[in-house]
Amino acid sequence: RLAGMTASFAAGQRNKRSFGVDLRHSEGRELFERLVADADVVLSNFKPGTLEALEIGPERLREINPRVVVVTSSAMGESGPWRDWMGYGPLVRCVSGLTRLWSDPGAPPDESFGDATTIYPDHFVARVVDTAVLASLIARRRTNRGAHIESSQAESIIVSLATEFTRESITPGSITPRLHGEFHAPWGVYPCSGDD
């Protein structure tokens, strides 16, 4: 890790074993392919085409191990005009429209957005992908075949905003940043009794 080991990283990665391998070199690819031969799941978080450029795309991985479940997850998805964009949560939030909805409606636009340490949608998409991986592993019991799961962070946000996009298409301008939600109950920040 370039930043060194932090307490947060160590806590989040406990009970895991890891190592680094350079997939651009034949020795690194050979080692990686030996691991794939016995793997249940291979997760990739590169922009589309990276694994293929390294000669270890999903088809190659399934040649090595027909039972492996391969996940390719990217910011904008495997196809379309933005497929080559590199990015993570904050970029994906912007292009999906979520950043504007997460803004303080009373603040000037350049001061209205607040972010937390959890980079959404990274953690949300990981949970969606986990569900697909588990389903693929269960299906593999019947078929004895692996799967290729493609994931797009942008699409995951858009699907989670389906109600808002539908409402906006029916009543243009209705979906704007709000201090408290008004469409789902209970939703918002509420006072509680007691000092804490």
N, C-alpha and C. Protein backbone atom coordinates (compact mmCIF):
# COMPACT_ATOMS: atom_id res chain seq x y z
N ARG A 1 0.85 -1.19 0.00
CA ARG A 1 0.00 0.00 0.00
C ARG A 1 0.88 1.23 0.00
N LEU A 2 0.60 2.15 -0.96
CA LEU A 2 1.42 3.35 -1.08
C LEU A 2 1.35 4.21 0.18
N ALA A 3 0.17 4.28 0.80
CA ALA A 3 0.01 5.12 1.99
C ALA A 3 0.46 4.41 3.25
N GLY A 4 0.89 3.18 3.14
CA GLY A 4 1.26 2.43 4.33
C GLY A 4 0.05 1.83 5.00
N MET A 5 0.26 1.12 6.06
CA MET A 5 -0.83 0.45 6.78
C MET A 5 -1.46 1.43 7.75
N THR A 6 -2.78 1.57 7.67
CA THR A 6 -3.51 2.41 8.61
C THR A 6 -4.37 1.51 9.49
N ALA A 7 -4.78 2.04 10.62
CA ALA A 7 -5.63 1.26 11.53
C ALA A 7 -6.95 0.91 10.84
N SER A 8 -7.51 1.86 10.08
CA SER A 8 -8.78 1.62 9.39
C SER A 8 -8.64 0.50 8.37
N PHE A 9 -7.55 0.54 7.57
CA PHE A 9 -7.35 -0.51 6.57
C PHE A 9 -7.15 -1.86 7.25
N ALA A 10 -6.34 -1.89 8.29
CA ALA A 10 -6.08 -3.15 9.00
C ALA A 10 -7.36 -3.73 9.57
N ALA A 11 -8.23 -2.89 10.14
CA ALA A 11 -9.49 -3.38 10.71
C ALA A 11 -10.40 -3.93 9.63
N GLY A 12 -10.45 -3.26 8.49
CA GLY A 12 -11.31 -3.70 7.41
C GLY A 12 -10.81 -4.93 6.67
N GLN A 13 -9.54 -5.22 6.79
CA GLN A 13 -8.94 -6.34 6.05
C GLN A 13 -8.53 -7.50 6.96
N ARG A 14 -8.92 -7.47 8.21
CA ARG A 14 -8.49 -8.52 9.14
C ARG A 14 -8.95 -9.89 8.66
N ASN A 15 -8.16 -10.89 9.00
CA ASN A 15 -8.41 -12.28 8.65
C ASN A 15 -8.30 -12.55 7.15
N LYS A 16 -7.66 -11.64 6.42
CA LYS A 16 -7.44 -11.86 4.99
C LYS A 16 -5.95 -12.01 4.75
N ARG A 17 -5.63 -12.80 3.76
CA ARG A 17 -4.25 -12.90 3.31
C ARG A 17 -4.17 -12.23 1.95
N SER A 18 -3.10 -11.49 1.70
CA SER A 18 -3.00 -10.80 0.42
C SER A 18 -1.55 -10.73 -0.03
N PHE A 19 -1.39 -10.42 -1.29
CA PHE A 19 -0.06 -10.23 -1.87
C PHE A 19 -0.23 -9.37 -3.11
N GLY A 20 0.86 -8.86 -3.61
CA GLY A 20 0.84 -8.08 -4.83
C GLY A 20 1.47 -8.87 -5.96
N VAL A 21 0.91 -8.73 -7.15
CA VAL A 21 1.47 -9.40 -8.32
C VAL A 21 1.34 -8.46 -9.52
N ASP A 22 2.40 -8.40 -10.33
CA ASP A 22 2.39 -7.56 -11.52
C ASP A 22 1.85 -8.36 -12.69
N LEU A 23 0.62 -8.09 -13.09
CA LEU A 23 -0.04 -8.84 -14.15
C LEU A 23 0.47 -8.46 -15.54
N ARG A 24 1.32 -7.45 -15.63
CA ARG A 24 1.89 -7.07 -16.93
C ARG A 24 3.07 -7.94 -17.32
N HIS A 25 3.54 -8.75 -16.39
CA HIS A 25 4.68 -9.63 -16.66
C HIS A 25 4.20 -11.08 -16.74
N SER A 26 4.84 -11.86 -17.58
CA SER A 26 4.42 -13.24 -17.79
C SER A 26 4.46 -14.05 -16.49
N GLU A 27 5.46 -13.81 -15.64
CA GLU A 27 5.54 -14.54 -14.37
C GLU A 27 4.36 -14.21 -13.48
N GLY A 28 3.96 -12.95 -13.46
CA GLY A 28 2.81 -12.55 -12.66
C GLY A 28 1.53 -13.16 -13.18
N ARG A 29 1.35 -13.16 -14.51
CA ARG A 29 0.16 -13.78 -15.10
C ARG A 29 0.12 -15.28 -14.83
N GLU A 30 1.28 -15.92 -14.93
CA GLU A 30 1.35 -17.36 -14.68
C GLU A 30 0.93 -17.68 -13.25
N LEU A 31 1.43 -16.91 -12.29
CA LEU A 31 1.05 -17.11 -10.90
C LEU A 31 -0.45 -16.87 -10.71
N PHE A 32 -0.95 -15.79 -11.30
CA PHE A 32 -2.36 -15.48 -11.20
C PHE A 32 -3.21 -16.61 -11.79
N GLU A 33 -2.83 -17.12 -12.95
CA GLU A 33 -3.59 -18.20 -13.58
C GLU A 33 -3.57 -19.48 -12.73
N ARG A 34 -2.49 -19.74 -12.03
CA ARG A 34 -2.45 -20.89 -11.13
C ARG A 34 -3.46 -20.71 -9.99
N LEU A 35 -3.59 -19.50 -9.51
CA LEU A 35 -4.58 -19.23 -8.46
C LEU A 35 -6.01 -19.36 -9.00
N VAL A 36 -6.23 -18.86 -10.22
CA VAL A 36 -7.56 -18.93 -10.83
C VAL A 36 -8.00 -20.39 -11.00
N ALA A 37 -7.07 -21.28 -11.28
CA ALA A 37 -7.41 -22.68 -11.50
C ALA A 37 -8.14 -23.30 -10.31
N ASP A 38 -7.89 -22.80 -9.11
CA ASP A 38 -8.54 -23.33 -7.91
C ASP A 38 -9.52 -22.34 -7.27
N ALA A 39 -9.76 -21.21 -7.92
CA ALA A 39 -10.58 -20.16 -7.32
C ALA A 39 -12.07 -20.40 -7.55
N ASP A 40 -12.87 -19.88 -6.65
CA ASP A 40 -14.32 -19.86 -6.84
C ASP A 40 -14.75 -18.57 -7.52
N VAL A 41 -14.11 -17.45 -7.15
CA VAL A 41 -14.53 -16.14 -7.64
C VAL A 41 -13.29 -15.30 -7.95
N VAL A 42 -13.35 -14.55 -9.05
CA VAL A 42 -12.34 -13.56 -9.40
C VAL A 42 -13.06 -12.22 -9.55
N LEU A 43 -12.63 -11.24 -8.80
CA LEU A 43 -13.23 -9.89 -8.84
C LEU A 43 -12.28 -8.93 -9.55
N SER A 44 -12.81 -8.16 -10.48
CA SER A 44 -12.01 -7.16 -11.20
C SER A 44 -12.71 -5.82 -11.11
N ASN A 45 -11.96 -4.78 -10.80
CA ASN A 45 -12.52 -3.44 -10.69
C ASN A 45 -11.74 -2.49 -11.60
N PHE A 46 -11.42 -2.97 -12.80
CA PHE A 46 -10.72 -2.15 -13.80
C PHE A 46 -11.72 -1.57 -14.78
N LYS A 47 -11.26 -0.61 -15.59
CA LYS A 47 -12.12 -0.15 -16.67
C LYS A 47 -12.21 -1.26 -17.71
N PRO A 48 -13.30 -1.31 -18.49
CA PRO A 48 -13.48 -2.39 -19.46
C PRO A 48 -12.29 -2.51 -20.41
N GLY A 49 -11.94 -3.76 -20.71
CA GLY A 49 -10.85 -4.04 -21.64
C GLY A 49 -9.50 -4.25 -20.98
N THR A 50 -9.36 -3.90 -19.71
CA THR A 50 -8.07 -4.03 -19.03
C THR A 50 -7.65 -5.49 -18.90
N LEU A 51 -8.56 -6.34 -18.46
CA LEU A 51 -8.21 -7.76 -18.32
C LEU A 51 -7.85 -8.36 -19.68
N GLU A 52 -8.60 -7.99 -20.71
CA GLU A 52 -8.31 -8.51 -22.05
C GLU A 52 -6.93 -8.04 -22.51
N ALA A 53 -6.58 -6.79 -22.23
CA ALA A 53 -5.25 -6.29 -22.60
C ALA A 53 -4.15 -7.05 -21.87
N LEU A 54 -4.45 -7.54 -20.69
CA LEU A 54 -3.49 -8.33 -19.92
C LEU A 54 -3.54 -9.82 -20.29
N GLU A 55 -4.39 -10.15 -21.26
CA GLU A 55 -4.56 -11.53 -21.73
C GLU A 55 -5.16 -12.46 -20.67
N ILE A 56 -5.96 -11.88 -19.77
CA ILE A 56 -6.64 -12.68 -18.75
C ILE A 56 -8.09 -12.23 -18.61
N GLY A 57 -8.73 -12.00 -19.77
CA GLY A 57 -10.14 -11.61 -19.76
C GLY A 57 -11.03 -12.73 -19.26
N PRO A 58 -12.31 -12.46 -19.07
CA PRO A 58 -13.23 -13.47 -18.55
C PRO A 58 -13.22 -14.77 -19.35
N GLU A 59 -13.13 -14.70 -20.67
CA GLU A 59 -13.10 -15.93 -21.46
C GLU A 59 -11.87 -16.77 -21.14
N ARG A 60 -10.72 -16.11 -21.04
CA ARG A 60 -9.48 -16.82 -20.69
C ARG A 60 -9.60 -17.44 -19.29
N LEU A 61 -10.13 -16.70 -18.34
CA LEU A 61 -10.26 -17.21 -16.98
C LEU A 61 -11.18 -18.43 -16.94
N ARG A 62 -12.23 -18.42 -17.75
CA ARG A 62 -13.15 -19.57 -17.77
C ARG A 62 -12.55 -20.74 -18.55
N GLU A 63 -11.57 -20.48 -19.43
CA GLU A 63 -10.82 -21.58 -20.04
C GLU A 63 -9.97 -22.27 -18.98
N ILE A 64 -9.37 -21.48 -18.12
CA ILE A 64 -8.53 -22.02 -17.05
C ILE A 64 -9.37 -22.80 -16.05
N ASN A 65 -10.52 -22.22 -15.70
CA ASN A 65 -11.39 -22.83 -14.69
C ASN A 65 -12.84 -22.59 -15.10
N PRO A 66 -13.49 -23.56 -15.74
CA PRO A 66 -14.87 -23.37 -16.20
C PRO A 66 -15.87 -23.12 -15.07
N ARG A 67 -15.49 -23.40 -13.82
CA ARG A 67 -16.40 -23.20 -12.68
C ARG A 67 -16.23 -21.84 -12.01
N VAL A 68 -15.28 -21.04 -12.45
CA VAL A 68 -15.02 -19.78 -11.76
C VAL A 68 -16.10 -18.74 -12.09
N VAL A 69 -16.46 -17.97 -11.08
CA VAL A 69 -17.37 -16.84 -11.25
C VAL A 69 -16.50 -15.60 -11.39
N VAL A 70 -16.59 -14.94 -12.53
CA VAL A 70 -15.78 -13.75 -12.82
C VAL A 70 -16.67 -12.52 -12.73
N VAL A 71 -16.25 -11.53 -11.95
CA VAL A 71 -16.97 -10.27 -11.82
C VAL A 71 -16.12 -9.17 -12.42
N THR A 72 -16.69 -8.45 -13.39
CA THR A 72 -16.03 -7.26 -13.92
C THR A 72 -16.91 -6.07 -13.56
N SER A 73 -16.38 -5.20 -12.74
CA SER A 73 -17.12 -4.05 -12.25
C SER A 73 -16.38 -2.79 -12.65
N SER A 74 -17.11 -1.83 -13.19
CA SER A 74 -16.48 -0.57 -13.61
C SER A 74 -17.40 0.60 -13.30
N ALA A 75 -16.89 1.78 -13.49
CA ALA A 75 -17.66 2.98 -13.18
C ALA A 75 -18.88 3.13 -14.08
N MET A 76 -18.67 2.99 -15.40
CA MET A 76 -19.73 3.31 -16.35
C MET A 76 -20.26 2.11 -17.13
N GLY A 77 -19.71 0.91 -16.89
CA GLY A 77 -20.22 -0.27 -17.56
C GLY A 77 -19.37 -0.72 -18.73
N GLU A 78 -19.72 -1.88 -19.26
CA GLU A 78 -18.94 -2.54 -20.31
C GLU A 78 -19.18 -1.96 -21.69
N SER A 79 -20.26 -1.21 -21.90
CA SER A 79 -20.55 -0.68 -23.22
C SER A 79 -21.00 0.77 -23.10
N GLY A 80 -21.13 1.41 -24.24
CA GLY A 80 -21.59 2.80 -24.27
C GLY A 80 -20.45 3.78 -24.43
N PRO A 81 -20.78 5.04 -24.68
CA PRO A 81 -19.76 6.04 -24.98
C PRO A 81 -18.83 6.38 -23.81
N TRP A 82 -19.23 6.05 -22.57
CA TRP A 82 -18.39 6.38 -21.41
C TRP A 82 -17.69 5.15 -20.84
N ARG A 83 -17.71 4.04 -21.54
CA ARG A 83 -17.17 2.78 -21.02
C ARG A 83 -15.70 2.89 -20.64
N ASP A 84 -14.94 3.74 -21.30
CA ASP A 84 -13.49 3.84 -21.03
C ASP A 84 -13.15 4.81 -19.90
N TRP A 85 -14.15 5.43 -19.32
CA TRP A 85 -13.88 6.35 -18.22
C TRP A 85 -13.37 5.58 -17.02
N MET A 86 -12.29 6.07 -16.45
CA MET A 86 -11.86 5.54 -15.15
C MET A 86 -12.55 6.38 -14.10
N GLY A 87 -12.93 5.78 -13.02
CA GLY A 87 -13.59 6.59 -12.02
C GLY A 87 -13.97 5.78 -10.81
N TYR A 88 -14.41 6.51 -9.81
CA TYR A 88 -14.92 5.87 -8.60
C TYR A 88 -16.09 6.71 -8.11
N GLY A 89 -16.60 6.39 -6.95
CA GLY A 89 -17.85 6.94 -6.45
C GLY A 89 -18.17 8.39 -6.78
N PRO A 90 -17.33 9.36 -6.40
CA PRO A 90 -17.70 10.75 -6.64
C PRO A 90 -17.95 11.09 -8.11
N LEU A 91 -17.17 10.55 -9.03
CA LEU A 91 -17.40 10.79 -10.45
C LEU A 91 -18.72 10.17 -10.88
N VAL A 92 -18.97 8.95 -10.43
CA VAL A 92 -20.19 8.24 -10.82
C VAL A 92 -21.42 8.96 -10.27
N ARG A 93 -21.32 9.47 -9.05
CA ARG A 93 -22.44 10.22 -8.47
C ARG A 93 -22.78 11.42 -9.34
N CYS A 94 -21.76 12.12 -9.84
CA CYS A 94 -22.01 13.31 -10.66
C CYS A 94 -22.76 12.97 -11.93
N VAL A 95 -22.29 11.98 -12.68
CA VAL A 95 -22.91 11.69 -13.97
C VAL A 95 -24.28 11.04 -13.83
N SER A 96 -24.58 10.47 -12.68
CA SER A 96 -25.88 9.84 -12.47
C SER A 96 -26.92 10.83 -11.95
N GLY A 97 -26.49 12.01 -11.53
CA GLY A 97 -27.40 13.01 -10.99
C GLY A 97 -27.53 12.98 -9.48
N LEU A 98 -26.88 12.03 -8.82
CA LEU A 98 -27.04 11.90 -7.38
C LEU A 98 -26.37 13.04 -6.61
N THR A 99 -25.27 13.55 -7.11
CA THR A 99 -24.57 14.63 -6.39
C THR A 99 -25.50 15.82 -6.18
N ARG A 100 -26.25 16.18 -7.20
CA ARG A 100 -27.17 17.32 -7.07
C ARG A 100 -28.25 17.03 -6.03
N LEU A 101 -28.73 15.79 -5.99
CA LEU A 101 -29.77 15.45 -5.02
C LEU A 101 -29.23 15.42 -3.59
N TRP A 102 -27.93 15.21 -3.44
CA TRP A 102 -27.31 15.19 -2.12
C TRP A 102 -26.81 16.57 -1.70
N SER A 103 -27.36 17.60 -2.27
CA SER A 103 -26.92 18.95 -1.98
C SER A 103 -27.84 19.62 -0.98
N ASP A 104 -27.31 20.61 -0.28
CA ASP A 104 -28.09 21.43 0.64
C ASP A 104 -28.84 22.46 -0.21
N PRO A 105 -30.17 22.40 -0.25
CA PRO A 105 -30.92 23.31 -1.12
C PRO A 105 -30.79 24.78 -0.73
N GLY A 106 -30.37 25.06 0.50
CA GLY A 106 -30.25 26.44 0.92
C GLY A 106 -28.88 27.05 0.71
N ALA A 107 -27.92 26.27 0.26
CA ALA A 107 -26.55 26.76 0.10
C ALA A 107 -26.26 27.08 -1.37
N PRO A 108 -25.28 27.98 -1.62
CA PRO A 108 -24.87 28.23 -3.01
C PRO A 108 -24.37 26.93 -3.64
N PRO A 109 -24.56 26.75 -4.95
CA PRO A 109 -24.21 25.48 -5.59
C PRO A 109 -22.77 25.01 -5.34
N ASP A 110 -21.81 25.92 -5.30
CA ASP A 110 -20.42 25.51 -5.11
C ASP A 110 -20.11 25.17 -3.65
N GLU A 111 -21.06 25.37 -2.75
CA GLU A 111 -20.85 25.06 -1.34
C GLU A 111 -21.88 24.07 -0.80
N SER A 112 -22.73 23.54 -1.67
CA SER A 112 -23.90 22.81 -1.17
C SER A 112 -23.66 21.32 -0.95
N PHE A 113 -22.65 20.75 -1.58
CA PHE A 113 -22.50 19.30 -1.49
C PHE A 113 -21.62 18.92 -0.31
N GLY A 114 -22.05 17.91 0.41
CA GLY A 114 -21.26 17.37 1.50
C GLY A 114 -21.01 15.89 1.24
N ASP A 115 -19.85 15.42 1.63
CA ASP A 115 -19.52 14.02 1.39
C ASP A 115 -19.11 13.38 2.70
N ALA A 116 -19.23 12.08 2.74
CA ALA A 116 -18.82 11.32 3.91
C ALA A 116 -17.61 10.47 3.55
N THR A 117 -17.07 9.77 4.50
CA THR A 117 -15.91 8.93 4.23
C THR A 117 -16.30 7.67 3.46
N THR A 118 -17.55 7.27 3.51
CA THR A 118 -18.00 6.12 2.73
C THR A 118 -18.26 6.59 1.31
N ILE A 119 -17.53 6.06 0.37
CA ILE A 119 -17.65 6.50 -1.02
C ILE A 119 -18.80 5.75 -1.69
N TYR A 120 -19.93 6.41 -1.77
CA TYR A 120 -21.08 5.84 -2.44
C TYR A 120 -20.93 6.12 -3.93
N PRO A 121 -21.12 5.18 -4.79
CA PRO A 121 -21.81 3.92 -4.64
C PRO A 121 -20.90 2.70 -4.45
N ASP A 122 -19.61 2.90 -4.24
CA ASP A 122 -18.69 1.76 -4.15
C ASP A 122 -19.20 0.67 -3.21
N HIS A 123 -19.57 1.04 -2.02
CA HIS A 123 -19.98 0.05 -1.02
C HIS A 123 -21.34 -0.55 -1.36
N PHE A 124 -22.24 0.26 -1.90
CA PHE A 124 -23.55 -0.23 -2.32
C PHE A 124 -23.41 -1.24 -3.45
N VAL A 125 -22.63 -0.91 -4.46
CA VAL A 125 -22.45 -1.80 -5.61
C VAL A 125 -21.78 -3.11 -5.18
N ALA A 126 -20.86 -3.04 -4.23
CA ALA A 126 -20.23 -4.26 -3.73
C ALA A 126 -21.27 -5.21 -3.17
N ARG A 127 -22.26 -4.68 -2.49
CA ARG A 127 -23.30 -5.54 -1.92
C ARG A 127 -24.21 -6.12 -3.01
N VAL A 128 -24.50 -5.33 -4.03
CA VAL A 128 -25.29 -5.83 -5.16
C VAL A 128 -24.52 -6.97 -5.85
N VAL A 129 -23.22 -6.75 -6.09
CA VAL A 129 -22.39 -7.77 -6.74
C VAL A 129 -22.29 -9.02 -5.86
N ASP A 130 -22.15 -8.84 -4.55
CA ASP A 130 -22.09 -9.99 -3.64
C ASP A 130 -23.31 -10.88 -3.81
N THR A 131 -24.47 -10.28 -3.94
CA THR A 131 -25.70 -11.04 -4.12
C THR A 131 -25.67 -11.83 -5.42
N ALA A 132 -25.20 -11.19 -6.49
CA ALA A 132 -25.10 -11.88 -7.79
C ALA A 132 -24.08 -13.02 -7.72
N VAL A 133 -22.97 -12.80 -7.02
CA VAL A 133 -21.96 -13.86 -6.87
C VAL A 133 -22.55 -15.05 -6.12
N LEU A 134 -23.24 -14.79 -5.03
CA LEU A 134 -23.84 -15.89 -4.27
C LEU A 134 -24.85 -16.66 -5.12
N ALA A 135 -25.66 -15.94 -5.88
CA ALA A 135 -26.62 -16.60 -6.76
C ALA A 135 -25.90 -17.46 -7.80
N SER A 136 -24.79 -16.97 -8.34
CA SER A 136 -24.03 -17.73 -9.33
C SER A 136 -23.39 -18.97 -8.71
N LEU A 137 -22.91 -18.85 -7.49
CA LEU A 137 -22.32 -20.01 -6.82
C LEU A 137 -23.39 -21.08 -6.52
N ILE A 138 -24.58 -20.63 -6.17
CA ILE A 138 -25.68 -21.57 -5.94
C ILE A 138 -26.06 -22.25 -7.26
N ALA A 139 -26.16 -21.47 -8.34
CA ALA A 139 -26.49 -22.05 -9.65
C ALA A 139 -25.41 -23.02 -10.11
N ARG A 140 -24.17 -22.74 -9.77
CA ARG A 140 -23.05 -23.60 -10.17
C ARG A 140 -23.21 -25.01 -9.59
N ARG A 141 -23.87 -25.14 -8.46
CA ARG A 141 -24.11 -26.48 -7.88
C ARG A 141 -24.92 -27.35 -8.82
N ARG A 142 -25.84 -26.72 -9.56
CA ARG A 142 -26.68 -27.48 -10.50
C ARG A 142 -26.02 -27.65 -11.86
N THR A 143 -25.32 -26.60 -12.33
CA THR A 143 -24.81 -26.59 -13.70
C THR A 143 -23.34 -27.00 -13.82
N ASN A 144 -22.60 -26.89 -12.72
CA ASN A 144 -21.16 -27.14 -12.71
C ASN A 144 -20.40 -26.15 -13.59
N ARG A 145 -21.02 -25.01 -13.85
CA ARG A 145 -20.40 -23.95 -14.67
C ARG A 145 -20.36 -22.66 -13.88
N GLY A 146 -19.33 -21.88 -14.14
CA GLY A 146 -19.21 -20.56 -13.53
C GLY A 146 -20.07 -19.54 -14.27
N ALA A 147 -19.74 -18.28 -14.07
CA ALA A 147 -20.52 -17.21 -14.70
C ALA A 147 -19.64 -15.99 -14.87
N HIS A 148 -20.10 -15.07 -15.69
CA HIS A 148 -19.47 -13.76 -15.82
C HIS A 148 -20.51 -12.72 -15.44
N ILE A 149 -20.25 -11.98 -14.39
CA ILE A 149 -21.14 -10.94 -13.89
C ILE A 149 -20.53 -9.59 -14.26
N GLU A 150 -21.31 -8.76 -14.96
CA GLU A 150 -20.86 -7.41 -15.28
C GLU A 150 -21.61 -6.43 -14.39
N SER A 151 -20.88 -5.46 -13.85
CA SER A 151 -21.48 -4.49 -12.94
C SER A 151 -21.07 -3.08 -13.33
N SER A 152 -22.03 -2.18 -13.31
CA SER A 152 -21.78 -0.77 -13.58
C SER A 152 -22.24 0.05 -12.38
N GLN A 153 -21.34 0.83 -11.82
CA GLN A 153 -21.73 1.67 -10.68
C GLN A 153 -22.79 2.68 -11.08
N ALA A 154 -22.64 3.27 -12.26
CA ALA A 154 -23.62 4.27 -12.70
C ALA A 154 -25.01 3.65 -12.83
N GLU A 155 -25.08 2.47 -13.43
CA GLU A 155 -26.38 1.80 -13.58
C GLU A 155 -26.98 1.46 -12.23
N SER A 156 -26.16 1.07 -11.27
CA SER A 156 -26.68 0.75 -9.94
C SER A 156 -27.32 1.97 -9.29
N ILE A 157 -26.70 3.13 -9.43
CA ILE A 157 -27.30 4.36 -8.88
C ILE A 157 -28.61 4.66 -9.60
N ILE A 158 -28.60 4.58 -10.92
CA ILE A 158 -29.79 4.92 -11.68
C ILE A 158 -30.95 3.99 -11.32
N VAL A 159 -30.67 2.71 -11.16
CA VAL A 159 -31.73 1.76 -10.76
C VAL A 159 -32.25 2.12 -9.37
N SER A 160 -31.36 2.49 -8.46
CA SER A 160 -31.82 2.83 -7.10
C SER A 160 -32.61 4.14 -7.08
N LEU A 161 -32.48 4.95 -8.12
CA LEU A 161 -33.24 6.21 -8.21
C LEU A 161 -34.45 6.08 -9.15
N ALA A 162 -34.86 4.85 -9.44
CA ALA A 162 -35.94 4.64 -10.40
C ALA A 162 -37.21 5.41 -10.03
N THR A 163 -37.58 5.41 -8.76
CA THR A 163 -38.78 6.12 -8.33
C THR A 163 -38.65 7.61 -8.60
N GLU A 164 -37.48 8.17 -8.28
CA GLU A 164 -37.26 9.60 -8.48
C GLU A 164 -37.25 9.95 -9.97
N PHE A 165 -36.62 9.12 -10.80
CA PHE A 165 -36.60 9.40 -12.24
C PHE A 165 -38.01 9.30 -12.83
N THR A 166 -38.80 8.33 -12.35
CA THR A 166 -40.18 8.21 -12.82
C THR A 166 -40.98 9.43 -12.44
N ARG A 167 -40.84 9.86 -11.19
CA ARG A 167 -41.57 11.05 -10.72
C ARG A 167 -41.15 12.28 -11.53
N GLU A 168 -39.85 12.41 -11.79
CA GLU A 168 -39.35 13.55 -12.57
C GLU A 168 -39.90 13.53 -14.00
N SER A 169 -40.04 12.34 -14.59
CA SER A 169 -40.55 12.27 -15.96
C SER A 169 -42.04 12.64 -16.02
N ILE A 170 -42.77 12.39 -14.93
CA ILE A 170 -44.19 12.73 -14.88
C ILE A 170 -44.38 14.20 -14.56
N THR A 171 -43.57 14.70 -13.61
CA THR A 171 -43.67 16.10 -13.20
C THR A 171 -42.28 16.73 -13.26
N PRO A 172 -41.88 17.23 -14.42
CA PRO A 172 -40.53 17.80 -14.55
C PRO A 172 -40.25 18.89 -13.52
N GLY A 173 -39.06 18.82 -12.93
CA GLY A 173 -38.64 19.79 -11.92
C GLY A 173 -39.05 19.43 -10.50
N SER A 174 -39.72 18.30 -10.33
CA SER A 174 -40.21 17.93 -9.00
C SER A 174 -39.13 17.31 -8.12
N ILE A 175 -38.11 16.72 -8.71
CA ILE A 175 -37.07 16.09 -7.91
C ILE A 175 -35.92 17.07 -7.76
N THR A 176 -35.81 17.60 -6.57
CA THR A 176 -34.77 18.57 -6.25
C THR A 176 -34.18 18.21 -4.89
N PRO A 177 -33.04 18.79 -4.55
CA PRO A 177 -32.49 18.54 -3.22
C PRO A 177 -33.48 19.01 -2.15
N ARG A 178 -33.59 18.27 -1.07
CA ARG A 178 -34.50 18.61 0.02
C ARG A 178 -33.79 18.40 1.35
N LEU A 179 -34.20 19.17 2.33
CA LEU A 179 -33.64 18.97 3.66
C LEU A 179 -34.15 17.68 4.28
N HIS A 180 -35.41 17.37 4.06
CA HIS A 180 -36.00 16.14 4.58
C HIS A 180 -36.85 15.54 3.47
N GLY A 181 -36.86 14.23 3.42
CA GLY A 181 -37.64 13.56 2.38
C GLY A 181 -39.12 13.72 2.63
N GLU A 182 -39.86 13.75 1.54
CA GLU A 182 -41.31 13.87 1.69
C GLU A 182 -42.06 12.75 0.98
N PHE A 183 -41.33 11.83 0.34
CA PHE A 183 -42.00 10.80 -0.44
C PHE A 183 -42.12 9.47 0.30
N HIS A 184 -41.27 9.22 1.27
CA HIS A 184 -41.29 7.97 2.01
C HIS A 184 -41.40 8.29 3.49
N ALA A 185 -42.16 7.53 4.22
CA ALA A 185 -42.30 7.79 5.65
C ALA A 185 -41.99 6.52 6.41
N PRO A 186 -41.36 6.57 7.56
CA PRO A 186 -40.68 7.76 8.07
C PRO A 186 -39.33 7.97 7.38
N TRP A 187 -38.98 9.21 7.18
CA TRP A 187 -37.75 9.55 6.47
C TRP A 187 -37.32 10.92 6.95
N GLY A 188 -36.13 11.05 7.41
CA GLY A 188 -35.65 12.35 7.84
C GLY A 188 -34.90 12.29 9.14
N VAL A 189 -34.65 13.45 9.70
CA VAL A 189 -33.97 13.57 10.99
C VAL A 189 -35.02 14.01 12.00
N TYR A 190 -35.12 13.23 13.08
CA TYR A 190 -36.16 13.49 14.06
C TYR A 190 -35.54 13.68 15.45
N PRO A 191 -36.10 14.59 16.25
CA PRO A 191 -35.58 14.75 17.61
C PRO A 191 -35.94 13.55 18.47
N CYS A 192 -35.06 13.21 19.38
CA CYS A 192 -35.29 12.09 20.29
C CYS A 192 -35.23 12.59 21.72
N SER A 193 -35.83 11.87 22.63
CA SER A 193 -35.78 12.27 24.03
C SER A 193 -34.44 11.87 24.61
N GLY A 194 -34.01 12.57 25.64
CA GLY A 194 -32.74 12.26 26.30
C GLY A 194 -31.61 13.13 25.79
N ASP A 195 -30.47 13.04 26.49
CA ASP A 195 -29.32 13.88 26.18
C ASP A 195 -28.57 13.44 24.93
N ASP A 196 -28.66 12.16 24.56
CA ASP A 196 -27.87 11.67 23.42
C ASP A 196 -28.71 11.45 22.19
